[in-house]
C-alpha atoms as a PDB file:
ATOM      1  CA  UNK A   1       0.000   0.000   0.000  1.00  0.00           C
ATOM      2  CA  UNK A   2       1.533   3.328  -1.065  1.00  0.00           C
ATOM      3  CA  UNK A   3       1.280   6.526   0.961  1.00  0.00           C
ATOM      4  CA  UNK A   4      -1.755   7.903  -0.864  1.00  0.00           C
ATOM      5  CA  UNK A   5      -3.597   4.618  -0.329  1.00  0.00           C
ATOM      6  CA  UNK A   6      -2.710   4.684   3.379  1.00  0.00           C
ATOM      7  CA  UNK A   7      -4.023   8.233   3.672  1.00  0.00           C
ATOM      8  CA  UNK A   8      -7.274   7.239   1.998  1.00  0.00           C
ATOM      9  CA  UNK A   9      -7.610   4.162   4.208  1.00  0.00           C
ATOM     10  CA  UNK A  10      -7.454   6.418   7.273  1.00  0.00           C
ATOM     11  CA  UNK A  11     -10.088   8.881   6.019  1.00  0.00           C
ATOM     12  CA  UNK A  12     -11.916  10.990   6.958  1.00  0.00           C
ATOM     13  CA  UNK A  13      -9.269  13.545   7.906  1.00  0.00           C
ATOM     14  CA  UNK A  14     -10.250  16.689   9.774  1.00  0.00           C
ATOM     15  CA  UNK A  15      -6.935  18.460   9.120  1.00  0.00           C
ATOM     16  CA  UNK A  16      -5.207  19.091   5.811  1.00  0.00           C
ATOM     17  CA  UNK A  17      -1.614  18.140   6.657  1.00  0.00           C
ATOM     18  CA  UNK A  18       1.485  17.606   4.559  1.00  0.00           C
ATOM     19  CA  UNK A  19       2.533  13.977   5.038  1.00  0.00           C
ATOM     20  CA  UNK A  20       5.468  14.090   2.604  1.00  0.00           C
ATOM     21  CA  UNK A  21       6.581  16.608  -0.042  1.00  0.00           C
ATOM     22  CA  UNK A  22       3.650  17.052  -2.437  1.00  0.00           C
ATOM     23  CA  UNK A  23       1.381  14.661  -0.521  1.00  0.00           C
ATOM     24  CA  UNK A  24      -1.317  16.021   1.786  1.00  0.00           C
ATOM     25  CA  UNK A  25      -4.158  14.478   3.713  1.00  0.00           C
ATOM     26  CA  UNK A  26      -6.564  16.975   2.142  1.00  0.00           C
ATOM     27  CA  UNK A  27      -5.962  15.868  -1.430  1.00  0.00           C
ATOM     28  CA  UNK A  28      -9.179  14.181  -2.461  1.00  0.00           C
ATOM     29  CA  UNK A  29     -10.366  14.067   1.157  1.00  0.00           C
ATOM     30  CA  UNK A  30     -12.856  16.085   3.176  1.00  0.00           C
ATOM     31  CA  UNK A  31     -10.267  17.768   5.410  1.00  0.00           C
ATOM     32  CA  UNK A  32     -11.547  21.203   6.373  1.00  0.00           C
ATOM     33  CA  UNK A  33      -8.808  22.812   8.462  1.00  0.00           C
ATOM     34  CA  UNK A  34      -5.188  23.664   7.612  1.00  0.00           C
ATOM     35  CA  UNK A  35      -3.746  25.339  10.729  1.00  0.00           C
ATOM     36  CA  UNK A  36       0.013  24.888  10.162  1.00  0.00           C
ATOM     37  CA  UNK A  37       0.779  28.491   9.216  1.00  0.00           C
ATOM     38  CA  UNK A  38      -0.983  29.799  12.318  1.00  0.00           C
ATOM     39  CA  UNK A  39       0.901  27.299  14.492  1.00  0.00           C
ATOM     40  CA  UNK A  40       4.262  28.539  13.251  1.00  0.00           C
ATOM     41  CA  UNK A  41       3.249  32.195  13.482  1.00  0.00           C
ATOM     42  CA  UNK A  42       2.078  31.849  17.092  1.00  0.00           C
ATOM     43  CA  UNK A  43       4.848  29.608  18.382  1.00  0.00           C
ATOM     44  CA  UNK A  44       7.468  31.578  16.475  1.00  0.00           C
ATOM     45  CA  UNK A  45       6.327  34.694  18.354  1.00  0.00           C
ATOM     46  CA  UNK A  46       6.119  33.027  21.770  1.00  0.00           C
ATOM     47  CA  UNK A  47       9.321  30.989  21.420  1.00  0.00           C
ATOM     48  CA  UNK A  48      11.569  32.690  18.844  1.00  0.00           C
ATOM     49  CA  UNK A  49      14.410  30.346  19.746  1.00  0.00           C
ATOM     50  CA  UNK A  50      12.279  27.237  19.226  1.00  0.00           C
ATOM     51  CA  UNK A  51      10.724  25.072  21.913  1.00  0.00           C
ATOM     52  CA  UNK A  52      14.158  23.970  23.175  1.00  0.00           C
ATOM     53  CA  UNK A  53      13.088  20.612  24.550  1.00  0.00           C
ATOM     54  CA  UNK A  54       9.853  21.723  26.202  1.00  0.00           C
ATOM     55  CA  UNK A  55       7.296  18.972  26.709  1.00  0.00           C
ATOM     56  CA  UNK A  56       3.884  19.258  25.040  1.00  0.00           C
ATOM     57  CA  UNK A  57       0.591  17.448  25.636  1.00  0.00           C
ATOM     58  CA  UNK A  58      -2.250  17.663  23.117  1.00  0.00           C
ATOM     59  CA  UNK A  59      -5.665  16.862  24.614  1.00  0.00           C
ATOM     60  CA  UNK A  60      -8.097  15.527  22.033  1.00  0.00           C
ATOM     61  CA  UNK A  61      -5.227  15.550  19.572  1.00  0.00           C
ATOM     62  CA  UNK A  62      -7.147  14.450  16.466  1.00  0.00           C
ATOM     63  CA  UNK A  63      -4.494  13.384  13.914  1.00  0.00           C
ATOM     64  CA  UNK A  64      -1.637  14.725  16.054  1.00  0.00           C
ATOM     65  CA  UNK A  65      -0.561  17.384  13.559  1.00  0.00           C
ATOM     66  CA  UNK A  66       0.131  20.016  16.206  1.00  0.00           C
ATOM     67  CA  UNK A  67       2.507  17.653  17.986  1.00  0.00           C
ATOM     68  CA  UNK A  68       4.325  16.899  14.735  1.00  0.00           C
ATOM     69  CA  UNK A  69       4.879  20.622  14.213  1.00  0.00           C
ATOM     70  CA  UNK A  70       5.883  21.080  17.854  1.00  0.00           C
ATOM     71  CA  UNK A  71       8.428  18.280  17.583  1.00  0.00           C
ATOM     72  CA  UNK A  72       9.867  19.771  14.420  1.00  0.00           C
ATOM     73  CA  UNK A  73      10.043  23.135  16.228  1.00  0.00           C
ATOM     74  CA  UNK A  74      12.282  21.675  18.906  1.00  0.00           C
ATOM     75  CA  UNK A  75       9.920  20.157  21.467  1.00  0.00           C
ATOM     76  CA  UNK A  76      11.050  17.342  23.734  1.00  0.00           C
ATOM     77  CA  UNK A  77       8.503  14.844  24.985  1.00  0.00           C
ATOM     78  CA  UNK A  78       5.237  15.029  23.040  1.00  0.00           C
ATOM     79  CA  UNK A  79       2.131  13.126  24.093  1.00  0.00           C
ATOM     80  CA  UNK A  80      -1.228  13.137  22.369  1.00  0.00           C
ATOM     81  CA  UNK A  81      -4.448  11.412  23.325  1.00  0.00           C
ATOM     82  CA  UNK A  82      -7.951  11.201  21.945  1.00  0.00           C
ATOM     83  CA  UNK A  83     -11.058   9.247  22.807  1.00  0.00           C
ATOM     84  CA  UNK A  84     -11.291   7.705  19.333  1.00  0.00           C
ATOM     85  CA  UNK A  85      -8.967   5.112  17.824  1.00  0.00           C
ATOM     86  CA  UNK A  86      -9.626   6.640  14.378  1.00  0.00           C
ATOM     87  CA  UNK A  87      -7.674   9.808  15.186  1.00  0.00           C
ATOM     88  CA  UNK A  88      -4.889   8.028  17.061  1.00  0.00           C
ATOM     89  CA  UNK A  89      -4.287   5.754  14.070  1.00  0.00           C
ATOM     90  CA  UNK A  90      -3.916   8.884  11.949  1.00  0.00           C
ATOM     91  CA  UNK A  91      -1.509  10.382  14.478  1.00  0.00           C
ATOM     92  CA  UNK A  92       0.740   7.340  14.550  1.00  0.00           C
ATOM     93  CA  UNK A  93       0.797   7.221  10.761  1.00  0.00           C
ATOM     94  CA  UNK A  94       1.581  10.925  10.466  1.00  0.00           C
ATOM     95  CA  UNK A  95       4.391  10.776  13.057  1.00  0.00           C
ATOM     96  CA  UNK A  96       5.917   7.793  11.287  1.00  0.00           C
ATOM     97  CA  UNK A  97       5.701   9.491   7.889  1.00  0.00           C
ATOM     98  CA  UNK A  98       7.281  12.711   9.189  1.00  0.00           C
ATOM     99  CA  UNK A  99       9.952  10.811  11.162  1.00  0.00           C
ATOM    100  CA  UNK A 100       9.230  12.170  14.630  1.00  0.00           C
ATOM    101  CA  UNK A 101       8.897  10.393  17.976  1.00  0.00           C
ATOM    102  CA  UNK A 102       5.504  11.074  19.577  1.00  0.00           C
ATOM    103  CA  UNK A 103       3.544   9.103  22.177  1.00  0.00           C
ATOM    104  CA  UNK A 104      -0.112   8.498  21.328  1.00  0.00           C
ATOM    105  CA  UNK A 105      -2.854   6.823  23.329  1.00  0.00           C
ATOM    106  CA  UNK A 106      -6.590   6.238  23.044  1.00  0.00           C
ATOM    107  CA  UNK A 107      -7.830   7.685  26.316  1.00  0.00           C
ATOM    108  CA  UNK A 108     -10.628   9.643  27.930  1.00  0.00           C
ATOM    109  CA  UNK A 109      -9.497  13.029  29.243  1.00  0.00           C
ATOM    110  CA  UNK A 110     -10.822  12.217  32.700  1.00  0.00           C
ATOM    111  CA  UNK A 111      -8.390   9.280  32.932  1.00  0.00           C
ATOM    112  CA  UNK A 112      -5.345  11.486  32.331  1.00  0.00           C
ATOM    113  CA  UNK A 113      -2.400  10.560  34.554  1.00  0.00           C
ATOM    114  CA  UNK A 114       0.729  11.089  32.476  1.00  0.00           C
ATOM    115  CA  UNK A 115       2.720  13.579  34.508  1.00  0.00           C
ATOM    116  CA  UNK A 116       3.395  17.287  33.997  1.00  0.00           C
ATOM    117  CA  UNK A 117       4.069  19.143  30.767  1.00  0.00           C
ATOM    118  CA  UNK A 118       5.403  22.594  29.938  1.00  0.00           C
ATOM    119  CA  UNK A 119       2.742  23.294  27.315  1.00  0.00           C
ATOM    120  CA  UNK A 120      -0.806  21.980  26.990  1.00  0.00           C
ATOM    121  CA  UNK A 121      -2.975  22.202  23.889  1.00  0.00           C
ATOM    122  CA  UNK A 122      -6.685  22.101  24.705  1.00  0.00           C
ATOM    123  CA  UNK A 123      -8.042  22.592  21.214  1.00  0.00           C
ATOM    124  CA  UNK A 124     -11.430  21.438  20.004  1.00  0.00           C
ATOM    125  CA  UNK A 125     -12.190  19.471  23.162  1.00  0.00           C
ATOM    126  CA  UNK A 126     -13.742  21.815  25.748  1.00  0.00           C
ATOM    127  CA  UNK A 127     -17.128  21.891  24.008  1.00  0.00           C
ATOM    128  CA  UNK A 128     -17.243  18.098  23.729  1.00  0.00           C
ATOM    129  CA  UNK A 129     -17.035  17.469  27.483  1.00  0.00           C
ATOM    130  CA  UNK A 130     -19.822  16.650  29.958  1.00  0.00           C
ATOM    131  CA  UNK A 131     -17.870  18.428  32.726  1.00  0.00           C
ATOM    132  CA  UNK A 132     -15.531  20.834  30.927  1.00  0.00           C
ATOM    133  CA  UNK A 133     -14.408  22.792  33.989  1.00  0.00           C
ATOM    134  CA  UNK A 134     -13.194  19.635  35.730  1.00  0.00           C
ATOM    135  CA  UNK A 135     -11.472  18.524  32.528  1.00  0.00           C
ATOM    136  CA  UNK A 136      -9.736  21.838  32.010  1.00  0.00           C
ATOM    137  CA  UNK A 137      -8.614  21.951  35.652  1.00  0.00           C
ATOM    138  CA  UNK A 138      -7.197  18.445  35.383  1.00  0.00           C
ATOM    139  CA  UNK A 139      -4.914  19.513  32.557  1.00  0.00           C
ATOM    140  CA  UNK A 140      -4.137  22.930  34.035  1.00  0.00           C
ATOM    141  CA  UNK A 141      -2.883  21.226  37.197  1.00  0.00           C
ATOM    142  CA  UNK A 142      -0.406  19.295  35.010  1.00  0.00           C
ATOM    143  CA  UNK A 143       0.761  22.304  32.956  1.00  0.00           C
ATOM    144  CA  UNK A 144       3.817  24.282  34.040  1.00  0.00           C
ATOM    145  CA  UNK A 145       3.981  27.151  31.562  1.00  0.00           C
ATOM    146  CA  UNK A 146       1.383  27.704  28.823  1.00  0.00           C
ATOM    147  CA  UNK A 147      -2.108  26.449  28.032  1.00  0.00           C
ATOM    148  CA  UNK A 148      -3.681  27.143  24.630  1.00  0.00           C
ATOM    149  CA  UNK A 149      -7.439  26.711  24.392  1.00  0.00           C
ATOM    150  CA  UNK A 150      -9.463  26.718  21.191  1.00  0.00           C
ATOM    151  CA  UNK A 151     -13.173  26.009  21.294  1.00  0.00           C
ATOM    152  CA  UNK A 152     -16.459  26.406  19.508  1.00  0.00           C
ATOM    153  CA  UNK A 153     -18.819  28.877  21.175  1.00  0.00           C
ATOM    154  CA  UNK A 154     -22.515  29.698  21.165  1.00  0.00           C
ATOM    155  CA  UNK A 155     -23.622  33.075  19.848  1.00  0.00           C
ATOM    156  CA  UNK A 156     -27.218  32.858  21.068  1.00  0.00           C
ATOM    157  CA  UNK A 157     -26.477  33.401  24.779  1.00  0.00           C
ATOM    158  CA  UNK A 158     -24.856  36.309  26.676  1.00  0.00           C
ATOM    159  CA  UNK A 159     -21.115  35.951  27.157  1.00  0.00           C
ATOM    160  CA  UNK A 160     -20.152  34.201  30.395  1.00  0.00           C
ATOM    161  CA  UNK A 161     -22.407  31.154  30.218  1.00  0.00           C
ATOM    162  CA  UNK A 162     -22.152  27.452  29.429  1.00  0.00           C
ATOM    163  CA  UNK A 163     -24.837  26.018  27.139  1.00  0.00           C
ATOM    164  CA  UNK A 164     -25.833  22.349  27.445  1.00  0.00           C
ATOM    165  CA  UNK A 165     -26.062  20.391  24.160  1.00  0.00           C
ATOM    166  CA  UNK A 166     -26.552  16.785  23.100  1.00  0.00           C
ATOM    167  CA  UNK A 167     -23.968  15.161  20.850  1.00  0.00           C
ATOM    168  CA  UNK A 168     -24.128  12.312  18.371  1.00  0.00           C
ATOM    169  CA  UNK A 169     -21.479   9.877  19.581  1.00  0.00           C
ATOM    170  CA  UNK A 170     -21.467   8.127  16.194  1.00  0.00           C
ATOM    171  CA  UNK A 171     -20.029  11.231  14.522  1.00  0.00           C
ATOM    172  CA  UNK A 172     -16.200  11.049  14.734  1.00  0.00           C
ATOM    173  CA  UNK A 173     -16.021  14.844  15.003  1.00  0.00           C
ATOM    174  CA  UNK A 174     -18.224  14.853  18.098  1.00  0.00           C
ATOM    175  CA  UNK A 175     -17.393  13.848  21.650  1.00  0.00           C
ATOM    176  CA  UNK A 176     -17.650  10.388  23.152  1.00  0.00           C
ATOM    177  CA  UNK A 177     -19.988  11.177  26.068  1.00  0.00           C
ATOM    178  CA  UNK A 178     -23.226  12.229  24.344  1.00  0.00           C
ATOM    179  CA  UNK A 179     -23.613  15.449  26.314  1.00  0.00           C
ATOM    180  CA  UNK A 180     -21.448  18.569  26.299  1.00  0.00           C
ATOM    181  CA  UNK A 181     -21.272  22.273  27.152  1.00  0.00           C
ATOM    182  CA  UNK A 182     -20.562  25.162  24.808  1.00  0.00           C
ATOM    183  CA  UNK A 183     -19.100  28.369  26.293  1.00  0.00           C
ATOM    184  CA  UNK A 184     -20.874  31.524  25.149  1.00  0.00           C
ATOM    185  CA  UNK A 185     -17.735  33.643  24.853  1.00  0.00           C
ATOM    186  CA  UNK A 186     -14.322  34.631  26.250  1.00  0.00           C
ATOM    187  CA  UNK A 187     -15.632  35.845  29.620  1.00  0.00           C
ATOM    188  CA  UNK A 188     -16.008  32.187  30.629  1.00  0.00           C
ATOM    189  CA  UNK A 189     -12.229  31.745  30.410  1.00  0.00           C
ATOM    190  CA  UNK A 190     -11.270  35.203  31.646  1.00  0.00           C
ATOM    191  CA  UNK A 191     -12.884  34.129  34.918  1.00  0.00           C
ATOM    192  CA  UNK A 192     -11.739  30.501  34.870  1.00  0.00           C
ATOM    193  CA  UNK A 193      -8.039  30.777  34.079  1.00  0.00           C
ATOM    194  CA  UNK A 194      -6.984  32.839  37.129  1.00  0.00           C
ATOM    195  CA  UNK A 195      -8.799  30.327  39.341  1.00  0.00           C
ATOM    196  CA  UNK A 196      -6.891  27.567  37.535  1.00  0.00           C
ATOM    197  CA  UNK A 197      -3.576  29.204  38.392  1.00  0.00           C
ATOM    198  CA  UNK A 198      -3.029  31.006  35.086  1.00  0.00           C
ATOM    199  CA  UNK A 199      -3.398  34.707  35.920  1.00  0.00           C
ATOM    200  CA  UNK A 200      -2.235  36.006  32.524  1.00  0.00           C
ATOM    201  CA  UNK A 201      -4.413  35.529  29.453  1.00  0.00           C
ATOM    202  CA  UNK A 202      -4.564  36.762  25.891  1.00  0.00           C
ATOM    203  CA  UNK A 203      -7.514  36.426  23.554  1.00  0.00           C
ATOM    204  CA  UNK A 204      -6.185  35.324  20.189  1.00  0.00           C
ATOM    205  CA  UNK A 205      -9.517  35.791  18.484  1.00  0.00           C
ATOM    206  CA  UNK A 206     -13.240  35.476  19.058  1.00  0.00           C
ATOM    207  CA  UNK A 207     -15.505  35.177  16.027  1.00  0.00           C
ATOM    208  CA  UNK A 208     -19.257  34.803  15.719  1.00  0.00           C
ATOM    209  CA  UNK A 209     -19.012  34.033  11.988  1.00  0.00           C
ATOM    210  CA  UNK A 210     -17.299  30.723  11.232  1.00  0.00           C
ATOM    211  CA  UNK A 211     -17.279  29.270   7.737  1.00  0.00           C
ATOM    212  CA  UNK A 212     -19.275  26.074   7.435  1.00  0.00           C
ATOM    213  CA  UNK A 213     -20.901  26.447  10.864  1.00  0.00           C
ATOM    214  CA  UNK A 214     -24.488  27.392  11.833  1.00  0.00           C
ATOM    215  CA  UNK A 215     -25.109  31.051  12.614  1.00  0.00           C
ATOM    216  CA  UNK A 216     -25.363  30.353  16.348  1.00  0.00           C
ATOM    217  CA  UNK A 217     -21.882  28.756  16.532  1.00  0.00           C
ATOM    218  CA  UNK A 218     -18.701  30.820  16.844  1.00  0.00           C
ATOM    219  CA  UNK A 219     -15.073  30.129  17.726  1.00  0.00           C
ATOM    220  CA  UNK A 220     -12.421  31.520  20.023  1.00  0.00           C
ATOM    221  CA  UNK A 221      -8.803  30.959  20.936  1.00  0.00           C
ATOM    222  CA  UNK A 222      -7.242  31.957  24.234  1.00  0.00           C
ATOM    223  CA  UNK A 223      -3.721  31.733  25.640  1.00  0.00           C
ATOM    224  CA  UNK A 224      -3.160  31.328  29.384  1.00  0.00           C
ATOM    225  CA  UNK A 225       0.236  31.571  31.072  1.00  0.00           C
ATOM    226  CA  UNK A 226       1.697  31.457  34.546  1.00  0.00           C
ATOM    227  CA  UNK A 227       4.209  34.175  33.570  1.00  0.00           C
ATOM    228  CA  UNK A 228       3.215  37.578  32.185  1.00  0.00           C
ATOM    229  CA  UNK A 229       6.389  37.817  30.089  1.00  0.00           C
ATOM    230  CA  UNK A 230       5.493  34.792  27.996  1.00  0.00           C
ATOM    231  CA  UNK A 231       2.435  36.435  26.433  1.00  0.00           C
ATOM    232  CA  UNK A 232       4.005  39.843  25.728  1.00  0.00           C
ATOM    233  CA  UNK A 233       4.864  39.030  22.069  1.00  0.00           C
ATOM    234  CA  UNK A 234       1.153  38.475  21.345  1.00  0.00           C
ATOM    235  CA  UNK A 235       0.092  41.882  22.651  1.00  0.00           C
END
């Protein structure tokens, strides 16, 4: 089986990622997101000298692309987990193809017990959790330096609330619990992060208009740090 056949056998892909020169997961697939340029822009600003061996955990890692980029940007230990075998199989394939050493595991967030990390990625998972505050605190307690959160939001409620929703557990892009909470905006995290031990935050963006999403669904990204200096390049 050649590389293109392996990519197709692992479809669907949520991310459009370069597997090898000229070969991408999005070619002929339904991948909808290509976040590599933003990753390098953000991490290049925060860590201009590279990650210099920092450890990174990716919670709900999907195909593990962010860990591949982190590893290639100088990260040390990288660990990614997801509740679905589908995404972990993609991650292991992608790491092998790009020649980087990354730990992957099929695991529920609430079972996390893999030690501390310098950087935590909490992207696309908050709004799939039945108890998102407990889940976020669990990871925050194991994060020494920086936590990056990216989540869908609800536009039909005042900012500062959590909105209960049902999820289809058969859909690979949904959560595994069947019930979840959407935040209604950045105020949720402006209040939460200091309580979690991350007093310094920066809102990367907050949008109420997201391509391909219903009008009541938005998106935001927030950075939380234990040190004020770390976030200065983003301001």
